[in-house]
Protein backbone atom coordinates (compact mmCIF):
# COMPACT_ATOMS: atom_id res chain seq x y z
CA MET A 1 -0.13 18.47 37.31
CA SER A 2 -2.42 17.86 39.71
CA ALA A 3 -0.57 16.54 42.87
CA HIS A 4 -2.19 14.33 46.20
CA VAL A 5 -1.10 12.89 49.21
CA VAL A 6 -0.54 9.63 49.48
CA TYR A 7 0.17 7.60 52.99
CA LEU A 8 2.23 5.22 53.93
CA GLU A 9 -0.29 2.73 54.91
CA GLN A 10 -1.83 2.50 51.61
CA LEU A 11 1.44 1.67 49.51
CA PRO A 12 1.43 -1.91 50.41
CA SER A 13 -1.92 -2.39 48.69
CA LEU A 14 -1.22 -0.04 45.50
CA PHE A 15 1.89 -1.86 45.16
CA GLU A 16 -0.02 -5.40 45.01
CA LYS A 17 -2.25 -3.95 42.76
CA TRP A 18 0.48 -2.30 40.07
CA LYS A 19 1.88 -6.13 40.21
CA GLU A 20 -1.34 -7.45 38.49
CA LYS A 21 0.13 -6.07 35.47
CA PHE A 22 3.74 -4.65 36.08
CA LYS A 23 7.10 -6.02 37.53
CA LEU A 24 7.67 -3.23 40.53
CA PHE A 25 11.41 -2.04 41.27
CA VAL A 26 12.06 -0.67 44.41
CA PRO A 27 15.45 0.75 45.89
CA GLN A 28 16.50 -1.66 48.64
CA LYS A 29 19.69 -1.61 50.93
CA LYS A 30 21.90 -4.62 49.70
CA GLY A 31 25.30 -4.61 52.46
CA ASP A 32 26.49 -1.07 52.01
CA TYR A 33 24.96 -0.63 48.37
CA TYR A 34 21.30 0.68 47.59
CA LEU A 35 19.91 -0.77 45.05
CA LEU A 36 16.42 -1.26 42.59
CA GLN A 37 14.98 -4.99 43.11
CA GLU A 38 11.84 -6.18 42.25
CA TYR A 39 8.86 -5.77 45.02
CA GLU A 40 8.23 -8.71 47.06
CA ARG A 41 5.52 -8.44 49.71
CA GLY A 42 6.79 -7.12 53.21
CA GLN A 43 9.98 -5.96 51.80
CA GLU A 44 11.29 -2.65 53.60
CA ILE A 45 11.70 0.25 50.94
CA CYS A 46 14.62 2.43 51.29
CA PHE A 47 12.67 6.32 50.48
CA ASP A 48 16.38 8.03 52.10
CA TYR A 49 18.72 5.95 49.62
CA ASP A 50 21.41 8.43 48.61
CA VAL A 51 22.60 6.51 45.17
CA ILE A 52 21.25 3.80 43.12
CA TYR A 53 23.95 1.93 42.80
CA ASN A 54 22.66 0.07 39.53
CA PRO A 55 22.78 2.23 36.63
CA ILE A 56 18.61 3.11 35.71
CA LYS A 57 19.34 2.45 32.15
CA SER A 58 19.91 -0.97 32.68
CA PHE A 59 16.16 -1.74 32.96
CA LEU A 60 15.48 -0.07 29.88
CA PHE A 61 18.77 -1.22 28.13
CA PRO A 62 20.14 -4.46 29.29
CA SER A 63 23.80 -5.18 29.40
CA TYR A 64 22.98 -8.08 26.66
CA GLU A 65 20.51 -8.11 24.32
CA THR A 66 19.61 -10.49 21.79
CA LEU A 67 18.42 -8.65 19.00
CA LEU A 68 17.79 -11.29 16.44
CA ASP A 69 17.37 -14.71 15.96
CA PHE A 70 18.53 -16.62 12.45
CA ASP A 71 18.55 -19.87 10.18
CA LEU A 72 21.49 -20.68 8.44
CA LYS A 73 19.67 -23.06 6.07
CA THR A 74 16.41 -21.10 5.48
CA TYR A 75 18.08 -17.95 5.76
CA ALA A 76 15.68 -16.62 7.72
CA SER A 77 15.48 -14.25 10.58
CA LYS A 78 13.68 -12.77 13.08
CA PRO A 79 13.51 -9.37 15.44
CA VAL A 80 13.94 -10.01 19.16
CA VAL A 81 11.80 -7.19 20.79
CA ASP A 82 11.77 -8.35 24.55
CA ALA A 83 9.83 -5.67 26.91
CA GLU A 84 7.57 -6.38 29.66
CA PRO A 85 6.04 -3.67 31.40
CA GLN A 86 7.52 -2.71 34.13
CA ILE A 87 7.77 -0.08 37.33
CA LEU A 88 10.36 1.84 38.50
CA PHE A 89 9.61 3.42 41.97
CA GLY A 90 11.70 5.97 43.92
CA ILE A 91 14.19 7.15 40.64
CA HIS A 92 15.74 10.49 41.91
CA PRO A 93 15.68 13.72 39.34
CA TYR A 94 19.15 12.76 37.54
CA ASP A 95 18.31 9.97 37.22
CA ILE A 96 15.43 10.78 35.35
CA LYS A 97 17.14 13.36 33.53
CA ALA A 98 19.65 10.56 32.44
CA ILE A 99 16.57 8.54 31.08
CA ASN A 100 15.44 11.71 29.12
CA GLN A 101 18.56 12.25 27.82
CA LEU A 102 19.06 8.46 26.77
CA ASP A 103 15.61 8.77 24.98
CA GLN A 104 16.87 11.74 22.40
CA LEU A 105 19.89 9.49 21.80
CA MET A 106 18.30 6.89 21.14
CA GLU A 107 15.86 7.76 19.18
CA MET A 108 18.48 10.13 16.61
CA GLY A 109 18.85 8.62 13.29
CA SER A 110 17.48 5.72 13.27
CA VAL A 111 15.37 4.50 16.29
CA ASP A 112 16.61 1.56 18.64
CA VAL A 113 13.65 -0.54 18.29
CA ASN A 114 14.74 -2.48 21.58
CA TYR A 115 15.06 0.42 23.65
CA ARG A 116 11.89 2.33 22.25
CA ALA A 117 9.78 -0.92 23.28
CA ARG A 118 10.83 -1.63 26.58
CA ARG A 119 10.65 2.76 27.27
CA ASP A 120 7.11 2.44 25.54
CA LYS A 121 6.31 -0.39 28.70
CA THR A 122 8.39 1.36 31.94
CA VAL A 123 6.51 3.73 34.23
CA ILE A 124 9.03 6.28 35.96
CA MET A 125 7.57 6.81 39.45
CA GLY A 126 10.20 9.48 40.84
CA LEU A 127 11.46 10.37 44.43
CA GLU A 128 12.77 13.94 45.51
CA PRO A 129 16.12 12.82 47.60
CA LEU A 130 16.47 12.95 51.52
CA ARG A 131 19.74 12.28 51.22
CA VAL A 132 22.94 13.02 49.11
CA ALA A 133 25.60 10.37 48.50
CA LYS A 134 29.32 11.97 49.06
CA THR A 135 30.58 11.69 45.71
CA ALA A 136 27.17 13.33 44.14
CA PHE A 137 27.62 16.44 42.42
CA TRP A 138 24.14 16.54 40.28
CA SER A 139 23.06 20.01 42.18
CA PHE A 140 25.90 21.74 39.78
CA MET A 141 24.69 19.90 36.87
CA ASP A 142 21.17 20.94 36.56
CA ALA A 143 20.21 17.47 37.47
CA GLU A 144 18.61 18.30 41.04
CA LYS A 145 14.73 18.55 39.39
CA VAL A 146 13.18 17.29 36.55
CA ASP A 147 9.66 18.57 34.86
CA PHE A 148 9.54 15.80 32.54
CA GLY A 149 9.75 12.25 31.88
CA PHE A 150 7.88 10.73 35.14
CA ASP A 151 4.52 9.42 35.42
CA LEU A 152 4.25 10.10 39.27
CA PHE A 153 6.86 12.20 40.80
CA TRP A 154 7.16 11.19 45.16
CA THR A 155 7.90 13.84 47.94
CA LYS A 156 8.37 12.33 51.49
CA ILE A 157 6.93 15.43 53.65
CA GLY A 158 6.82 13.07 57.15
CA PRO A 159 7.34 10.10 58.29
CA SER A 160 4.11 8.57 57.14
CA ALA A 161 2.79 10.92 54.14
CA PHE A 162 4.49 11.56 50.30
CA VAL A 163 2.96 14.63 47.94
CA VAL A 164 2.37 12.89 44.94
CA GLU A 165 2.56 15.29 41.99
CA VAL A 166 1.14 13.97 38.78
CA GLY A 167 3.04 13.46 35.49
CA SER A 168 1.24 11.85 33.21
CA VAL A 169 -2.49 10.73 32.31
CA LEU A 170 -1.41 6.91 33.19
CA GLY A 171 0.59 7.97 36.48
CA GLU A 172 -2.90 9.34 37.19
CA GLU A 173 -4.64 6.11 35.75
CA LEU A 174 -2.14 4.00 38.16
CA LEU A 175 -2.14 6.33 41.52
CA PHE A 176 -6.21 5.55 41.33
CA VAL A 177 -6.17 2.70 40.79
CA ASN A 178 -7.79 1.48 44.25
CA GLY A 179 -10.06 4.50 44.31
CA LYS A 180 -9.31 8.38 44.50
CA VAL A 181 -7.04 9.75 46.89
CA ASP A 182 -7.42 13.14 48.70
CA VAL A 183 -6.00 16.13 46.63
CA ALA A 184 -2.51 17.91 48.14
CA THR A 185 -3.66 21.01 50.01
CA ALA A 186 -1.60 24.35 49.50
CA ALA A 187 0.50 23.59 52.86
CA GLU A 188 1.09 19.94 52.06
CA LYS A 189 2.63 21.42 48.74
CA GLU A 190 4.36 24.33 50.30
CA VAL A 191 6.07 21.16 52.69
CA ALA A 192 7.35 19.42 49.58
CA ARG A 193 9.16 22.73 48.21
CA ARG A 194 10.78 23.26 50.95
CA LYS A 195 11.96 19.18 51.46
CA HIS A 196 13.33 19.77 47.84
CA GLN A 197 14.94 23.40 48.99
CA GLU A 198 17.17 21.85 52.22
CA ILE A 199 18.05 18.88 49.62
CA VAL A 200 19.19 21.00 47.39
CA LYS A 201 21.20 23.41 49.95
CA LYS A 202 22.28 20.30 51.61
CA ALA A 203 23.80 19.30 48.08
CA LYS A 204 25.09 22.61 47.35
CA MET A 205 27.45 22.63 50.22
CA GLN A 206 29.23 19.69 49.20
CA ASN A 207 31.44 18.92 45.89
CA VAL A 208 31.37 21.97 44.32
CA LEU A 209 31.61 22.88 41.00
CA LYS A 210 33.73 26.25 41.08
CA PHE A 211 32.27 28.15 37.88
CA PRO A 212 28.44 28.04 35.68
CA ASN A 213 28.56 24.30 34.01
CA THR A 214 27.26 26.30 30.63
CA ASP A 215 31.57 26.67 30.98
CA ILE A 216 32.19 23.70 30.71
CA PRO A 217 32.39 22.91 26.90
CA LYS A 218 34.15 25.69 26.49
CA VAL A 219 36.23 24.73 28.83
CA MET A 220 37.25 21.55 27.43
CA ALA A 221 37.35 23.06 24.03
CA LYS A 222 40.53 24.95 25.52
CA SER A 223 41.76 21.47 26.92
CA PHE A 224 42.25 19.06 24.67
CA ASN A 225 46.10 19.05 24.81
CA SER A 226 46.32 19.52 28.50
CA TYR A 227 48.69 17.54 30.34
CA VAL A 228 46.21 16.52 33.14
CA TRP A 229 45.26 13.32 30.83
CA ILE A 230 48.06 11.96 30.32
CA GLU A 231 48.87 12.96 34.30
CA LYS A 232 45.73 11.43 35.95
CA SER A 233 45.21 8.39 33.15
CA ARG A 234 49.07 6.74 34.13
CA LYS A 235 46.85 5.04 37.50
CA CYS A 236 43.69 3.99 34.55
CA LEU A 237 42.90 0.36 34.28
CA SER A 238 40.96 0.43 31.27
CA CYS A 239 38.54 -1.81 33.35
CA GLY A 240 35.35 0.41 32.12
CA SER A 241 33.98 0.32 35.21
CA CYS A 242 33.15 4.11 35.05
CA ASN A 243 31.25 3.35 31.41
CA PHE A 244 29.09 0.65 33.14
CA ILE A 245 28.27 2.38 35.90
CA CYS A 246 27.23 5.69 33.92
CA PRO A 247 23.26 6.30 33.72
CA THR A 248 24.14 8.62 30.37
CA CYS A 249 27.05 5.93 28.22
CA TYR A 250 25.29 4.03 25.71
CA CYS A 251 27.72 2.47 23.40
CA PHE A 252 27.41 -1.12 22.44
CA ASP A 253 29.05 -3.28 20.60
CA ILE A 254 26.81 -6.23 18.56
CA GLN A 255 28.08 -9.96 17.75
CA ASP A 256 26.71 -13.17 15.90
CA GLU A 257 26.77 -16.21 17.23
CA VAL A 258 26.03 -19.93 15.62
CA ASP A 259 25.68 -22.89 17.38
CA ASP A 260 28.01 -25.94 17.12
CA LEU A 261 26.03 -27.44 14.19
CA LEU A 262 26.20 -24.28 12.28
CA LYS A 263 22.22 -24.23 11.90
CA LYS A 264 21.22 -21.70 14.20
CA GLY A 265 22.31 -18.77 15.33
CA LYS A 266 21.72 -15.09 16.81
CA ARG A 267 22.77 -11.40 16.88
CA TYR A 268 23.28 -10.34 20.35
CA ARG A 269 24.89 -6.55 21.84
CA THR A 270 26.46 -6.28 24.76
CA TRP A 271 27.44 -2.88 26.52
CA ASP A 272 30.18 -1.31 24.92
CA GLY A 273 32.62 2.07 26.79
CA CYS A 274 35.50 3.79 25.28
CA MET A 275 37.73 3.34 28.04
CA LEU A 276 38.57 -0.24 26.63
CA ARG A 277 41.27 -0.60 24.63
CA SER A 278 39.10 -2.53 22.27
CA PHE A 279 36.68 0.27 21.77
CA ALA A 280 38.61 1.94 19.09
CA SER A 281 39.73 -1.10 17.56
CA ILE A 282 39.34 -1.82 14.05
CA ALA A 283 39.98 -3.71 10.93
CA GLY A 284 43.63 -4.40 10.42
CA GLY A 285 45.18 -3.99 13.57
CA HIS A 286 44.31 -0.58 14.29
CA ASN A 287 42.95 1.50 16.75
CA PHE A 288 42.59 5.06 16.80
CA ARG A 289 42.51 5.64 20.71
CA LYS A 290 45.51 3.67 21.88
CA GLN A 291 46.77 5.47 24.11
CA VAL A 292 45.34 5.46 27.64
CA PHE A 293 45.19 9.25 28.27
CA GLU A 294 43.59 9.31 25.05
CA ARG A 295 41.05 7.12 26.47
CA TYR A 296 40.48 8.95 29.60
CA ARG A 297 40.11 12.25 26.91
CA HIS A 298 37.78 10.66 24.79
CA ARG A 299 35.14 9.97 27.92
CA TYR A 300 35.48 13.61 29.01
CA MET A 301 35.18 15.20 26.12
CA ARG A 302 31.88 13.07 25.64
CA LYS A 303 30.73 14.05 29.11
CA GLY A 304 31.37 17.47 29.37
CA ARG A 305 31.17 18.55 25.20
CA TYR A 306 30.54 16.36 22.62
CA ILE A 307 26.62 15.76 23.98
CA TYR A 308 26.49 18.96 24.67
CA ASP A 309 26.86 20.01 20.56
CA LEU A 310 24.88 17.25 19.89
CA LEU A 311 21.63 18.17 22.48
CA GLY A 312 22.43 21.17 24.08
CA GLU A 313 23.52 19.33 27.14
CA LEU A 314 25.98 17.95 29.30
CA GLY A 315 26.81 14.46 29.16
CA CYS A 316 26.97 14.30 32.94
CA VAL A 317 23.99 14.36 35.68
CA GLY A 318 26.42 14.26 38.49
CA CYS A 319 25.51 11.21 40.24
CA GLY A 320 28.98 10.27 41.47
CA ARG A 321 28.67 6.07 40.23
CA CYS A 322 31.51 6.44 38.08
CA ILE A 323 33.97 8.11 41.39
CA GLN A 324 32.62 5.38 43.49
CA SER A 325 33.29 2.74 41.13
CA CYS A 326 36.69 3.32 39.64
CA PRO A 327 39.40 1.26 41.55
CA ALA A 328 42.37 3.77 40.63
CA ARG A 329 40.11 6.64 42.08
CA ILE A 330 40.39 9.06 39.20
CA ALA A 331 36.61 9.13 37.58
CA ASN A 332 35.87 12.14 38.93
CA PRO A 333 34.66 14.59 36.49
CA LEU A 334 34.03 17.58 38.80
CA GLU A 335 37.56 17.09 39.99
CA ILE A 336 38.71 17.18 36.19
CA PHE A 337 36.24 20.19 35.10
CA ASN A 338 37.43 22.24 37.81
CA PHE A 339 41.17 21.29 37.47
CA LEU A 340 40.83 22.39 33.57
CA TRP A 341 38.61 25.88 34.34
CA GLU A 342 41.59 26.27 36.82
CA ASP A 343 44.06 25.92 33.58
CA VAL A 344 42.28 27.66 31.65
CA SER A 345 42.05 30.55 33.80
CA TYR A 346 45.61 30.70 34.79
CA GLU A 347 46.47 30.61 31.38
CA LYS A 348 44.47 33.87 30.61
């Protein structure tokens, strides 16, 4: 893939050109958090953010979405597929990895038409991290680098310069929308490589996974009856924050709603989560994960084993959002993985 150099002063004109055909979302600081929000001329872009708090999945798989409209008089229905062209600028590698995983999950079996339509109209522009969030452990989840899933990937190599790696034909077209840009020299590409090495080295110095992540599924398989599930879940509020903030959680619930005249209605879906008591409720008032510890265990089994069995990769990218959002401070995958590994190793 080719690499080019773009200067900070060139960005405003690029952004304005992109906005003619796309909604453009960029990282911005809002209070104590960084959010991905729609760009407006003159806004400051946070190139040095640690983690975007709103999960990137919300731009591809909204928390509330109408799937179809129906008429109770004519018994006719019409699918609703709402997908606007959009650019997500400044996405860190671990979030791109999460998107790549969702792409697979949403196409297994019957393709999720709404997700696919929105994904096909989304341009992903990656950004090398300059800082590491206090709760992050993505460097131990093989999420510090991605080789695909982006159209352009930006690395800030100086106060006003970026090395931009092209990942798709569309990405190259968008990069050249105002004319050709300079090709990156060997020296500039070397600076970008070193920037990547520096941030990964920094990330590996905090929140350490004490064993190879390839052993996580084996550890989880031996830990189904561990006492940690009951011990930790005592404080769980079953709020589902860890599910909703997670970039790889994709469960949803579908409901039908009819107007007060009983003439028209709609079918919609909303995010759902395995930590919610209602998630495993079925007809007759039964619940096959009634106890909190069962739901708590299921979440970690999904992240550390079940998704791996399905795709050959872990369901956690180490972004640390769940750790930040949990009011009971018990939603730390790294802490659980390390504890279970030590527990299993001690049993040997």
